[in-house]
Amino acid sequence: MTEQSENRTLIIESQYFPPICFYKTLIEADILKIERYEHYQKVSFRNRCYIAGPNGKILLSVPLSKGKNQRTIMKDVRISNVENWQGLHWKTLTSAYRRSPWFEYFENDLEGLYEKKFDFLLDWNMACLEWANKVLGISKEVQLTDEFEKSYDPATGIIDKRDQFIPGQDQEGLPTYAQVFGERTGFFPNLSILDLLFCEGKRGLELLK
C-alpha cells in the first residue's frame, strides 16, 4: 500500500456551518479537501444551515449578490452585504440557544466571527469551518482543490462526498442528544454543527465518534 492511499482524504463542497453528517464523515478522514472549482448549486448547504427553534427547524441562509440561481465557480460566489444578514443570523442564534448549556461558553468568540465582514461565500464558510473545528477539537489538515475533477479513484484514498449531503435528505448513524426545545418539538437530526456544540459542547466530538 502506498503512502498516498494510507491517508484518507475527504473531498466535499464548501458549506455554511455544516450539518452533523458532514462532521460524522470528517472524523473518518485524515485530510479534508474543500472543492472550490465546482459551479455553485442552489438548495444546498453551501449557503444555508438549519438550527432548532421553539416551533421547528429554522433556516439560516447567506444572501448572494447574484441570487441563488447563479452558475458561478464556487470560489467566485459573492455575498450580498446590502442587508445586515450576519446580525440577523446572530440574533436568531442567540434567541434559539441562549438557554442551551454551552451557548454562553462560545458566545463571545462566535459573536466576533459574525461581526467580521466577508465578500466571498467560500471565505465565510472556511472561517466557520475553522471556528467549529477548533472548538470541537478536530485537528485535520484542510486543503482547497487546485482544479475540478469530475470523479476520483477510491483506490487513492479519496472519499468523494461532493453533493452527497442534501437538505431534507435522511442520513443514518447520526448521534442523538438533548436539544433545547426537544420536549416540545421532538428531536431534529442532522442540524448544523452549531446545534450539537451549543447542546453538548466539546462532548460533541465523542458523540460523533
N, C-alpha and C. Protein backbone atom coordinates (compact mmCIF):
# COMPACT_ATOMS: atom_id res chain seq x y z
N MET A 1 0.85 -1.19 0.00
CA MET A 1 0.00 0.00 0.00
C MET A 1 0.88 1.24 0.00
N THR A 2 0.55 2.18 -0.86
CA THR A 2 1.36 3.38 -0.96
C THR A 2 1.01 4.34 0.16
N GLU A 3 1.91 5.29 0.37
CA GLU A 3 1.68 6.30 1.40
C GLU A 3 0.45 7.13 1.07
N GLN A 4 0.23 7.37 -0.23
CA GLN A 4 -0.90 8.18 -0.65
C GLN A 4 -2.21 7.52 -0.26
N SER A 5 -2.34 6.21 -0.46
CA SER A 5 -3.59 5.52 -0.19
C SER A 5 -3.81 5.30 1.30
N GLU A 6 -2.74 5.45 2.11
CA GLU A 6 -2.90 5.28 3.55
C GLU A 6 -3.62 6.47 4.17
N ASN A 7 -3.46 7.64 3.58
CA ASN A 7 -4.13 8.84 4.07
C ASN A 7 -5.49 8.98 3.40
N ARG A 8 -6.53 8.95 4.21
CA ARG A 8 -7.87 9.09 3.66
C ARG A 8 -8.22 10.57 3.54
N THR A 9 -8.53 11.01 2.33
CA THR A 9 -8.85 12.40 2.07
C THR A 9 -10.34 12.53 1.75
N LEU A 10 -11.04 13.35 2.54
CA LEU A 10 -12.44 13.64 2.28
C LEU A 10 -12.51 14.88 1.40
N ILE A 11 -13.12 14.75 0.23
CA ILE A 11 -13.34 15.91 -0.64
C ILE A 11 -14.83 16.20 -0.66
N ILE A 12 -15.17 17.45 -0.41
CA ILE A 12 -16.57 17.83 -0.26
C ILE A 12 -16.71 19.31 -0.58
N GLU A 13 -17.93 19.73 -0.90
CA GLU A 13 -18.16 21.13 -1.20
C GLU A 13 -18.10 21.99 0.06
N SER A 14 -17.86 23.27 -0.12
CA SER A 14 -17.84 24.22 0.99
C SER A 14 -19.26 24.40 1.52
N GLN A 15 -19.41 24.41 2.85
CA GLN A 15 -20.73 24.51 3.47
C GLN A 15 -20.71 25.52 4.62
N TYR A 16 -21.87 26.13 4.86
CA TYR A 16 -22.04 27.12 5.93
C TYR A 16 -22.36 26.39 7.23
N PHE A 17 -21.46 26.45 8.22
CA PHE A 17 -21.59 25.68 9.45
C PHE A 17 -22.26 24.34 9.15
N PRO A 18 -21.49 23.41 8.59
CA PRO A 18 -22.02 22.18 8.01
C PRO A 18 -22.91 21.37 8.95
N PRO A 19 -23.75 20.50 8.37
CA PRO A 19 -24.60 19.62 9.17
C PRO A 19 -23.78 18.53 9.85
N ILE A 20 -24.39 17.86 10.77
CA ILE A 20 -23.69 16.84 11.57
C ILE A 20 -23.18 15.71 10.70
N CYS A 21 -23.88 15.36 9.62
CA CYS A 21 -23.42 14.27 8.75
C CYS A 21 -22.06 14.61 8.12
N PHE A 22 -21.82 15.88 7.85
CA PHE A 22 -20.52 16.33 7.33
C PHE A 22 -19.42 15.95 8.33
N TYR A 23 -19.66 16.27 9.60
CA TYR A 23 -18.64 16.02 10.63
C TYR A 23 -18.52 14.54 10.96
N LYS A 24 -19.60 13.82 10.86
CA LYS A 24 -19.55 12.37 11.08
C LYS A 24 -18.62 11.72 10.05
N THR A 25 -18.65 12.23 8.83
CA THR A 25 -17.77 11.73 7.77
C THR A 25 -16.35 12.25 7.94
N LEU A 26 -16.22 13.49 8.37
CA LEU A 26 -14.91 14.11 8.51
C LEU A 26 -14.02 13.37 9.51
N ILE A 27 -14.59 12.92 10.62
CA ILE A 27 -13.75 12.27 11.63
C ILE A 27 -13.19 10.93 11.15
N GLU A 28 -13.72 10.41 10.05
CA GLU A 28 -13.20 9.16 9.48
C GLU A 28 -12.01 9.40 8.56
N ALA A 29 -11.78 10.69 8.23
CA ALA A 29 -10.73 11.02 7.27
C ALA A 29 -9.51 11.62 7.96
N ASP A 30 -8.40 11.65 7.23
CA ASP A 30 -7.16 12.25 7.73
C ASP A 30 -6.97 13.67 7.22
N ILE A 31 -7.45 13.91 5.99
CA ILE A 31 -7.30 15.20 5.33
C ILE A 31 -8.66 15.64 4.80
N LEU A 32 -8.96 16.92 4.94
CA LEU A 32 -10.18 17.49 4.38
C LEU A 32 -9.81 18.39 3.21
N LYS A 33 -10.42 18.13 2.07
CA LYS A 33 -10.17 18.95 0.89
C LYS A 33 -11.50 19.56 0.45
N ILE A 34 -11.55 20.89 0.40
CA ILE A 34 -12.75 21.61 0.02
C ILE A 34 -12.74 21.93 -1.47
N GLU A 35 -13.82 21.55 -2.16
CA GLU A 35 -13.94 21.81 -3.59
C GLU A 35 -14.26 23.29 -3.82
N ARG A 36 -13.41 23.97 -4.60
CA ARG A 36 -13.66 25.40 -4.85
C ARG A 36 -13.82 25.72 -6.34
N TYR A 37 -13.68 24.71 -7.21
CA TYR A 37 -13.78 24.96 -8.65
C TYR A 37 -15.05 24.39 -9.27
N GLU A 38 -15.97 23.93 -8.45
CA GLU A 38 -17.27 23.50 -8.94
C GLU A 38 -18.14 24.72 -9.21
N HIS A 39 -19.27 24.50 -9.90
CA HIS A 39 -20.26 25.56 -10.04
C HIS A 39 -21.18 25.55 -8.83
N TYR A 40 -21.53 26.74 -8.38
CA TYR A 40 -22.43 26.86 -7.24
C TYR A 40 -23.74 26.14 -7.53
N GLN A 41 -24.24 25.41 -6.55
CA GLN A 41 -25.51 24.70 -6.68
C GLN A 41 -26.50 25.26 -5.67
N LYS A 42 -27.69 25.61 -6.13
CA LYS A 42 -28.70 26.14 -5.23
C LYS A 42 -29.34 25.00 -4.41
N VAL A 43 -30.10 25.38 -3.40
CA VAL A 43 -30.77 24.44 -2.48
C VAL A 43 -29.75 23.43 -1.94
N SER A 44 -28.71 23.94 -1.35
CA SER A 44 -27.67 23.08 -0.78
C SER A 44 -27.17 23.73 0.50
N PHE A 45 -26.27 23.02 1.18
CA PHE A 45 -25.70 23.55 2.42
C PHE A 45 -24.60 24.58 2.15
N ARG A 46 -24.34 24.89 0.89
CA ARG A 46 -23.28 25.84 0.57
C ARG A 46 -23.53 27.21 1.20
N ASN A 47 -24.77 27.65 1.19
CA ASN A 47 -25.06 28.96 1.77
C ASN A 47 -26.20 28.90 2.78
N ARG A 48 -26.46 27.71 3.33
CA ARG A 48 -27.54 27.60 4.30
C ARG A 48 -27.21 26.57 5.37
N CYS A 49 -27.79 26.78 6.55
CA CYS A 49 -27.72 25.79 7.61
C CYS A 49 -29.03 25.82 8.38
N TYR A 50 -29.27 24.75 9.12
CA TYR A 50 -30.53 24.63 9.86
C TYR A 50 -30.24 24.48 11.35
N ILE A 51 -31.02 25.21 12.15
CA ILE A 51 -30.90 25.11 13.60
C ILE A 51 -32.27 24.79 14.18
N ALA A 52 -32.31 24.52 15.49
CA ALA A 52 -33.57 24.17 16.15
C ALA A 52 -34.18 25.40 16.81
N GLY A 53 -35.47 25.60 16.59
CA GLY A 53 -36.19 26.69 17.22
C GLY A 53 -37.37 26.17 18.01
N PRO A 54 -38.07 27.03 18.73
CA PRO A 54 -39.19 26.59 19.55
C PRO A 54 -40.38 26.06 18.76
N ASN A 55 -40.45 26.43 17.47
CA ASN A 55 -41.58 25.98 16.64
C ASN A 55 -41.14 25.08 15.49
N GLY A 56 -39.91 24.63 15.54
CA GLY A 56 -39.41 23.75 14.48
C GLY A 56 -38.05 24.17 13.99
N LYS A 57 -37.65 23.63 12.86
CA LYS A 57 -36.34 23.97 12.30
C LYS A 57 -36.36 25.39 11.73
N ILE A 58 -35.22 26.06 11.87
CA ILE A 58 -35.05 27.42 11.35
C ILE A 58 -33.94 27.41 10.30
N LEU A 59 -34.21 28.00 9.15
CA LEU A 59 -33.23 28.10 8.08
C LEU A 59 -32.47 29.41 8.20
N LEU A 60 -31.14 29.32 8.20
CA LEU A 60 -30.28 30.49 8.10
C LEU A 60 -29.63 30.46 6.72
N SER A 61 -29.89 31.47 5.92
CA SER A 61 -29.40 31.49 4.54
C SER A 61 -28.56 32.73 4.28
N VAL A 62 -27.38 32.54 3.71
CA VAL A 62 -26.49 33.65 3.36
C VAL A 62 -26.93 34.22 2.01
N PRO A 63 -27.30 35.50 1.94
CA PRO A 63 -27.72 36.09 0.66
C PRO A 63 -26.54 36.26 -0.29
N LEU A 64 -26.79 36.01 -1.56
CA LEU A 64 -25.73 36.08 -2.56
C LEU A 64 -25.98 37.24 -3.52
N SER A 65 -24.91 37.83 -4.02
CA SER A 65 -25.01 39.05 -4.81
C SER A 65 -25.72 38.84 -6.14
N LYS A 66 -25.63 37.63 -6.71
CA LYS A 66 -26.31 37.35 -7.97
C LYS A 66 -27.52 36.44 -7.77
N GLY A 67 -27.89 36.23 -6.51
CA GLY A 67 -29.04 35.37 -6.25
C GLY A 67 -28.67 33.90 -6.24
N LYS A 68 -29.64 33.06 -5.90
CA LYS A 68 -29.37 31.64 -5.73
C LYS A 68 -29.31 30.86 -7.03
N ASN A 69 -29.70 31.47 -8.17
CA ASN A 69 -29.75 30.74 -9.43
C ASN A 69 -28.50 30.92 -10.28
N GLN A 70 -27.48 31.52 -9.72
CA GLN A 70 -26.28 31.78 -10.49
C GLN A 70 -25.51 30.49 -10.83
N ARG A 71 -24.76 30.55 -11.91
CA ARG A 71 -23.89 29.44 -12.30
C ARG A 71 -22.46 29.95 -12.27
N THR A 72 -21.97 30.19 -11.07
CA THR A 72 -20.65 30.78 -10.86
C THR A 72 -19.74 29.77 -10.18
N ILE A 73 -18.45 29.80 -10.53
CA ILE A 73 -17.48 28.95 -9.85
C ILE A 73 -17.51 29.30 -8.35
N MET A 74 -17.51 28.29 -7.52
CA MET A 74 -17.72 28.49 -6.09
C MET A 74 -16.77 29.52 -5.49
N LYS A 75 -15.52 29.51 -5.89
CA LYS A 75 -14.55 30.43 -5.31
C LYS A 75 -14.86 31.88 -5.65
N ASP A 76 -15.72 32.12 -6.64
CA ASP A 76 -16.04 33.47 -7.08
C ASP A 76 -17.43 33.93 -6.64
N VAL A 77 -18.15 33.10 -5.90
CA VAL A 77 -19.50 33.46 -5.46
C VAL A 77 -19.40 34.55 -4.39
N ARG A 78 -20.07 35.67 -4.64
CA ARG A 78 -20.00 36.80 -3.74
C ARG A 78 -21.23 36.87 -2.83
N ILE A 79 -20.99 37.30 -1.61
CA ILE A 79 -22.06 37.51 -0.64
C ILE A 79 -22.67 38.89 -0.86
N SER A 80 -23.98 39.00 -0.71
CA SER A 80 -24.64 40.30 -0.74
C SER A 80 -24.71 40.84 0.68
N ASN A 81 -24.00 41.92 0.91
CA ASN A 81 -23.98 42.54 2.23
C ASN A 81 -24.82 43.82 2.28
N VAL A 82 -25.80 43.92 1.38
CA VAL A 82 -26.69 45.09 1.37
C VAL A 82 -27.45 45.17 2.69
N GLU A 83 -27.93 44.02 3.16
CA GLU A 83 -28.60 43.97 4.46
C GLU A 83 -27.67 43.31 5.47
N ASN A 84 -27.91 43.56 6.72
CA ASN A 84 -27.07 43.02 7.80
C ASN A 84 -27.50 41.58 8.12
N TRP A 85 -27.24 40.68 7.18
CA TRP A 85 -27.66 39.29 7.36
C TRP A 85 -26.92 38.63 8.53
N GLN A 86 -25.65 39.01 8.75
CA GLN A 86 -24.90 38.42 9.86
C GLN A 86 -25.53 38.79 11.20
N GLY A 87 -25.95 40.06 11.31
CA GLY A 87 -26.62 40.49 12.53
C GLY A 87 -27.92 39.74 12.75
N LEU A 88 -28.66 39.50 11.68
CA LEU A 88 -29.92 38.75 11.78
C LEU A 88 -29.66 37.30 12.17
N HIS A 89 -28.65 36.69 11.58
CA HIS A 89 -28.32 35.31 11.91
C HIS A 89 -27.90 35.20 13.38
N TRP A 90 -27.08 36.15 13.82
CA TRP A 90 -26.61 36.12 15.20
C TRP A 90 -27.78 36.31 16.17
N LYS A 91 -28.67 37.21 15.84
CA LYS A 91 -29.85 37.44 16.68
C LYS A 91 -30.70 36.16 16.78
N THR A 92 -30.84 35.47 15.67
CA THR A 92 -31.61 34.22 15.65
C THR A 92 -30.93 33.13 16.47
N LEU A 93 -29.62 33.03 16.33
CA LEU A 93 -28.86 32.05 17.11
C LEU A 93 -28.97 32.34 18.61
N THR A 94 -28.87 33.61 18.97
CA THR A 94 -28.97 33.99 20.37
C THR A 94 -30.34 33.65 20.94
N SER A 95 -31.38 33.95 20.17
CA SER A 95 -32.74 33.67 20.62
C SER A 95 -32.99 32.17 20.78
N ALA A 96 -32.45 31.39 19.86
CA ALA A 96 -32.69 29.94 19.88
C ALA A 96 -31.86 29.20 20.93
N TYR A 97 -30.66 29.70 21.22
CA TYR A 97 -29.73 28.90 22.05
C TYR A 97 -29.27 29.55 23.35
N ARG A 98 -29.79 30.71 23.69
CA ARG A 98 -29.30 31.37 24.89
C ARG A 98 -29.53 30.53 26.16
N ARG A 99 -30.49 29.62 26.12
CA ARG A 99 -30.75 28.75 27.28
C ARG A 99 -30.06 27.40 27.17
N SER A 100 -29.32 27.20 26.11
CA SER A 100 -28.61 25.92 25.95
C SER A 100 -27.42 25.88 26.90
N PRO A 101 -26.95 24.68 27.26
CA PRO A 101 -25.87 24.55 28.26
C PRO A 101 -24.56 25.23 27.89
N TRP A 102 -24.24 25.28 26.57
CA TRP A 102 -22.91 25.73 26.18
C TRP A 102 -22.88 27.04 25.41
N PHE A 103 -24.03 27.66 25.17
CA PHE A 103 -24.04 28.89 24.37
C PHE A 103 -23.18 29.98 24.99
N GLU A 104 -23.32 30.18 26.28
CA GLU A 104 -22.57 31.24 26.96
C GLU A 104 -21.07 31.01 26.85
N TYR A 105 -20.67 29.74 26.81
CA TYR A 105 -19.25 29.39 26.74
C TYR A 105 -18.64 29.84 25.40
N PHE A 106 -19.43 29.74 24.33
CA PHE A 106 -18.93 30.07 22.99
C PHE A 106 -19.34 31.46 22.52
N GLU A 107 -20.20 32.12 23.26
CA GLU A 107 -20.88 33.32 22.78
C GLU A 107 -19.95 34.43 22.29
N ASN A 108 -19.02 34.85 23.11
CA ASN A 108 -18.17 36.00 22.75
C ASN A 108 -17.33 35.72 21.51
N ASP A 109 -16.75 34.54 21.44
CA ASP A 109 -15.89 34.18 20.32
C ASP A 109 -16.68 34.11 19.03
N LEU A 110 -17.85 33.48 19.10
CA LEU A 110 -18.66 33.32 17.89
C LEU A 110 -19.26 34.65 17.45
N GLU A 111 -19.64 35.48 18.40
CA GLU A 111 -20.17 36.80 18.04
C GLU A 111 -19.12 37.61 17.29
N GLY A 112 -17.86 37.45 17.68
CA GLY A 112 -16.78 38.13 16.98
C GLY A 112 -16.68 37.70 15.53
N LEU A 113 -16.91 36.42 15.27
CA LEU A 113 -16.89 35.92 13.89
C LEU A 113 -18.01 36.56 13.08
N TYR A 114 -19.19 36.65 13.68
CA TYR A 114 -20.34 37.22 12.97
C TYR A 114 -20.22 38.73 12.78
N GLU A 115 -19.26 39.36 13.41
CA GLU A 115 -19.05 40.79 13.23
C GLU A 115 -18.02 41.08 12.13
N LYS A 116 -17.36 40.05 11.63
CA LYS A 116 -16.38 40.23 10.56
C LYS A 116 -17.10 40.18 9.20
N LYS A 117 -16.74 41.08 8.32
CA LYS A 117 -17.37 41.13 7.01
C LYS A 117 -16.59 40.30 5.99
N PHE A 118 -17.32 39.61 5.15
CA PHE A 118 -16.71 38.77 4.12
C PHE A 118 -17.36 39.10 2.77
N ASP A 119 -16.55 39.11 1.72
CA ASP A 119 -17.06 39.37 0.38
C ASP A 119 -17.42 38.09 -0.36
N PHE A 120 -16.70 37.01 -0.06
CA PHE A 120 -16.90 35.76 -0.79
C PHE A 120 -17.45 34.67 0.13
N LEU A 121 -18.40 33.90 -0.40
CA LEU A 121 -19.02 32.83 0.37
C LEU A 121 -18.00 31.80 0.81
N LEU A 122 -17.05 31.46 -0.05
CA LEU A 122 -16.05 30.47 0.31
C LEU A 122 -15.24 30.92 1.52
N ASP A 123 -14.86 32.19 1.57
CA ASP A 123 -14.08 32.70 2.69
C ASP A 123 -14.88 32.64 3.99
N TRP A 124 -16.15 33.00 3.91
CA TRP A 124 -17.01 32.94 5.10
C TRP A 124 -17.15 31.49 5.58
N ASN A 125 -17.43 30.59 4.66
CA ASN A 125 -17.59 29.18 5.03
C ASN A 125 -16.32 28.60 5.63
N MET A 126 -15.18 28.99 5.09
CA MET A 126 -13.91 28.48 5.62
C MET A 126 -13.68 29.01 7.03
N ALA A 127 -14.07 30.26 7.29
CA ALA A 127 -13.93 30.82 8.64
C ALA A 127 -14.84 30.08 9.62
N CYS A 128 -16.04 29.75 9.18
CA CYS A 128 -16.97 29.00 10.03
C CYS A 128 -16.43 27.60 10.30
N LEU A 129 -15.88 26.97 9.27
CA LEU A 129 -15.32 25.63 9.42
C LEU A 129 -14.15 25.64 10.40
N GLU A 130 -13.26 26.62 10.24
CA GLU A 130 -12.10 26.73 11.13
C GLU A 130 -12.54 26.92 12.58
N TRP A 131 -13.55 27.76 12.80
CA TRP A 131 -14.04 28.01 14.16
C TRP A 131 -14.62 26.73 14.76
N ALA A 132 -15.47 26.06 14.01
CA ALA A 132 -16.12 24.85 14.53
C ALA A 132 -15.10 23.74 14.80
N ASN A 133 -14.14 23.57 13.90
CA ASN A 133 -13.11 22.55 14.10
C ASN A 133 -12.31 22.84 15.37
N LYS A 134 -12.01 24.11 15.58
CA LYS A 134 -11.21 24.49 16.74
C LYS A 134 -11.94 24.16 18.04
N VAL A 135 -13.19 24.55 18.15
CA VAL A 135 -13.90 24.34 19.41
C VAL A 135 -14.28 22.87 19.62
N LEU A 136 -14.44 22.13 18.53
CA LEU A 136 -14.72 20.69 18.66
C LEU A 136 -13.47 19.91 19.04
N GLY A 137 -12.31 20.46 18.72
CA GLY A 137 -11.08 19.74 18.97
C GLY A 137 -10.66 18.85 17.81
N ILE A 138 -11.08 19.23 16.61
CA ILE A 138 -10.73 18.48 15.40
C ILE A 138 -9.52 19.15 14.75
N SER A 139 -8.44 18.41 14.63
CA SER A 139 -7.22 18.96 14.03
C SER A 139 -6.87 18.17 12.77
N LYS A 140 -7.62 18.46 11.71
CA LYS A 140 -7.37 17.82 10.42
C LYS A 140 -6.66 18.81 9.50
N GLU A 141 -5.84 18.30 8.63
CA GLU A 141 -5.26 19.16 7.59
C GLU A 141 -6.37 19.54 6.62
N VAL A 142 -6.50 20.83 6.34
CA VAL A 142 -7.54 21.32 5.44
C VAL A 142 -6.89 21.91 4.20
N GLN A 143 -7.34 21.46 3.05
CA GLN A 143 -6.80 21.93 1.78
C GLN A 143 -7.94 22.43 0.89
N LEU A 144 -7.58 23.15 -0.17
CA LEU A 144 -8.52 23.56 -1.20
C LEU A 144 -8.11 22.92 -2.51
N THR A 145 -9.08 22.55 -3.34
CA THR A 145 -8.75 21.92 -4.62
C THR A 145 -8.04 22.91 -5.53
N ASP A 146 -7.17 22.40 -6.41
CA ASP A 146 -6.45 23.22 -7.38
C ASP A 146 -7.13 23.25 -8.74
N GLU A 147 -8.03 22.30 -8.97
CA GLU A 147 -8.78 22.21 -10.22
C GLU A 147 -9.98 21.30 -9.99
N PHE A 148 -10.91 21.32 -10.93
CA PHE A 148 -12.10 20.48 -10.79
C PHE A 148 -11.87 19.14 -11.48
N GLU A 149 -12.14 18.08 -10.77
CA GLU A 149 -12.11 16.73 -11.33
C GLU A 149 -13.49 16.11 -11.15
N LYS A 150 -14.02 15.55 -12.22
CA LYS A 150 -15.38 15.03 -12.19
C LYS A 150 -15.52 13.86 -11.23
N SER A 151 -14.49 13.03 -11.16
CA SER A 151 -14.54 11.87 -10.26
C SER A 151 -13.13 11.54 -9.78
N TYR A 152 -13.08 10.76 -8.71
CA TYR A 152 -11.80 10.36 -8.12
C TYR A 152 -11.77 8.85 -7.94
N ASP A 153 -10.60 8.28 -8.08
CA ASP A 153 -10.40 6.85 -7.89
C ASP A 153 -10.35 6.54 -6.39
N PRO A 154 -11.29 5.75 -5.87
CA PRO A 154 -11.29 5.43 -4.43
C PRO A 154 -10.00 4.74 -3.97
N ALA A 155 -9.29 4.11 -4.90
CA ALA A 155 -8.04 3.42 -4.54
C ALA A 155 -6.97 4.39 -4.08
N THR A 156 -7.14 5.67 -4.40
CA THR A 156 -6.16 6.67 -3.98
C THR A 156 -6.41 7.14 -2.55
N GLY A 157 -7.46 6.62 -1.92
CA GLY A 157 -7.75 7.02 -0.55
C GLY A 157 -8.64 8.24 -0.46
N ILE A 158 -9.25 8.63 -1.58
CA ILE A 158 -10.13 9.81 -1.59
C ILE A 158 -11.58 9.39 -1.39
N ILE A 159 -12.21 10.02 -0.41
CA ILE A 159 -13.63 9.80 -0.15
C ILE A 159 -14.38 10.99 -0.75
N ASP A 160 -15.05 10.76 -1.87
CA ASP A 160 -15.71 11.84 -2.59
C ASP A 160 -17.16 11.96 -2.11
N LYS A 161 -17.43 12.99 -1.34
CA LYS A 161 -18.79 13.21 -0.82
C LYS A 161 -19.41 14.49 -1.38
N ARG A 162 -18.91 14.97 -2.49
CA ARG A 162 -19.48 16.16 -3.09
C ARG A 162 -20.93 15.91 -3.50
N ASP A 163 -21.80 16.81 -3.08
CA ASP A 163 -23.24 16.74 -3.38
C ASP A 163 -23.89 15.46 -2.87
N GLN A 164 -23.34 14.87 -1.84
CA GLN A 164 -23.93 13.67 -1.23
C GLN A 164 -24.84 14.02 -0.06
N PHE A 165 -24.63 15.19 0.53
CA PHE A 165 -25.44 15.63 1.67
C PHE A 165 -26.35 16.75 1.21
N ILE A 166 -27.64 16.47 1.18
CA ILE A 166 -28.62 17.40 0.62
C ILE A 166 -29.65 17.75 1.68
N PRO A 167 -30.01 19.03 1.82
CA PRO A 167 -31.03 19.41 2.80
C PRO A 167 -32.31 18.60 2.65
N GLY A 168 -32.81 18.09 3.77
CA GLY A 168 -34.04 17.32 3.75
C GLY A 168 -33.85 15.83 3.52
N GLN A 169 -32.64 15.43 3.19
CA GLN A 169 -32.36 14.01 2.93
C GLN A 169 -31.95 13.32 4.23
N ASP A 170 -32.53 12.16 4.50
CA ASP A 170 -32.22 11.42 5.72
C ASP A 170 -30.80 10.86 5.67
N GLN A 171 -30.14 10.88 6.82
CA GLN A 171 -28.80 10.31 6.96
C GLN A 171 -28.82 9.34 8.14
N GLU A 172 -28.17 8.21 7.99
CA GLU A 172 -28.18 7.19 9.02
C GLU A 172 -26.95 7.28 9.92
N GLY A 173 -27.09 6.73 11.14
CA GLY A 173 -25.96 6.62 12.05
C GLY A 173 -25.53 7.89 12.72
N LEU A 174 -26.42 8.88 12.81
CA LEU A 174 -26.07 10.16 13.42
C LEU A 174 -26.39 10.14 14.91
N PRO A 175 -25.66 10.89 15.72
CA PRO A 175 -25.89 10.88 17.17
C PRO A 175 -27.20 11.57 17.54
N THR A 176 -27.77 11.13 18.65
CA THR A 176 -28.92 11.82 19.24
C THR A 176 -28.48 12.41 20.57
N TYR A 177 -29.11 13.49 20.96
CA TYR A 177 -28.73 14.21 22.18
C TYR A 177 -29.90 15.11 22.58
N ALA A 178 -29.83 15.69 23.75
CA ALA A 178 -30.91 16.56 24.23
C ALA A 178 -30.82 17.92 23.57
N GLN A 179 -31.86 18.30 22.83
CA GLN A 179 -31.91 19.61 22.19
C GLN A 179 -32.73 20.58 23.04
N VAL A 180 -32.52 21.86 22.82
CA VAL A 180 -33.13 22.89 23.67
C VAL A 180 -34.65 22.77 23.74
N PHE A 181 -35.28 22.59 22.58
CA PHE A 181 -36.74 22.53 22.54
C PHE A 181 -37.24 21.11 22.23
N GLY A 182 -36.39 20.13 22.52
CA GLY A 182 -36.71 18.76 22.16
C GLY A 182 -38.01 18.24 22.75
N GLU A 183 -38.31 18.61 24.00
CA GLU A 183 -39.54 18.13 24.63
C GLU A 183 -40.78 18.67 23.93
N ARG A 184 -40.64 19.83 23.30
CA ARG A 184 -41.78 20.45 22.60
C ARG A 184 -41.87 20.02 21.14
N THR A 185 -40.74 19.94 20.48
CA THR A 185 -40.75 19.72 19.03
C THR A 185 -40.35 18.31 18.62
N GLY A 186 -39.77 17.54 19.56
CA GLY A 186 -39.17 16.28 19.17
C GLY A 186 -37.75 16.52 18.69
N PHE A 187 -37.03 15.45 18.45
CA PHE A 187 -35.61 15.57 18.06
C PHE A 187 -35.48 15.82 16.57
N PHE A 188 -34.63 16.79 16.21
CA PHE A 188 -34.31 17.07 14.82
C PHE A 188 -32.90 16.55 14.53
N PRO A 189 -32.76 15.52 13.70
CA PRO A 189 -31.42 15.02 13.37
C PRO A 189 -30.74 15.89 12.32
N ASN A 190 -29.44 15.83 12.30
CA ASN A 190 -28.63 16.40 11.22
C ASN A 190 -28.80 17.91 11.06
N LEU A 191 -28.90 18.62 12.17
CA LEU A 191 -28.89 20.08 12.10
C LEU A 191 -27.45 20.57 11.93
N SER A 192 -27.26 21.86 11.89
CA SER A 192 -25.92 22.43 11.83
C SER A 192 -25.09 21.97 13.02
N ILE A 193 -23.79 21.89 12.81
CA ILE A 193 -22.89 21.51 13.89
C ILE A 193 -23.02 22.46 15.08
N LEU A 194 -23.52 23.66 14.85
CA LEU A 194 -23.73 24.61 15.94
C LEU A 194 -24.71 24.06 16.98
N ASP A 195 -25.73 23.36 16.53
CA ASP A 195 -26.72 22.80 17.46
C ASP A 195 -26.05 21.81 18.40
N LEU A 196 -25.23 20.93 17.86
CA LEU A 196 -24.52 19.95 18.68
C LEU A 196 -23.56 20.64 19.65
N LEU A 197 -22.88 21.67 19.18
CA LEU A 197 -21.93 22.39 20.04
C LEU A 197 -22.63 23.10 21.20
N PHE A 198 -23.73 23.79 20.90
CA PHE A 198 -24.43 24.52 21.95
C PHE A 198 -25.07 23.58 22.97
N CYS A 199 -25.48 22.41 22.52
CA CYS A 199 -26.15 21.46 23.42
C CYS A 199 -25.19 20.55 24.17
N GLU A 200 -24.07 20.20 23.54
CA GLU A 200 -23.17 19.21 24.14
C GLU A 200 -21.75 19.70 24.34
N GLY A 201 -21.40 20.85 23.82
CA GLY A 201 -20.05 21.36 23.99
C GLY A 201 -19.01 20.45 23.38
N LYS A 202 -17.88 20.35 24.03
CA LYS A 202 -16.78 19.55 23.49
C LYS A 202 -17.08 18.06 23.52
N ARG A 203 -18.11 17.65 24.25
CA ARG A 203 -18.55 16.24 24.22
C ARG A 203 -19.11 15.88 22.85
N GLY A 204 -19.37 16.90 22.04
CA GLY A 204 -19.90 16.67 20.70
C GLY A 204 -19.00 15.77 19.87
N LEU A 205 -17.68 15.92 20.02
CA LEU A 205 -16.75 15.09 19.28
C LEU A 205 -16.87 13.62 19.68
N GLU A 206 -17.05 13.36 20.97
CA GLU A 206 -17.26 11.98 21.43
C GLU A 206 -18.51 11.38 20.81
N LEU A 207 -19.59 12.18 20.73
CA LEU A 207 -20.83 11.70 20.15
C LEU A 207 -20.68 11.40 18.66
N LEU A 208 -19.90 12.21 17.98
CA LEU A 208 -19.66 11.97 16.55
C LEU A 208 -18.90 10.67 16.32
N LYS A 209 -18.04 10.35 17.28
CA LYS A 209 -17.25 9.12 17.14
C LYS A 209 -18.03 7.88 17.51
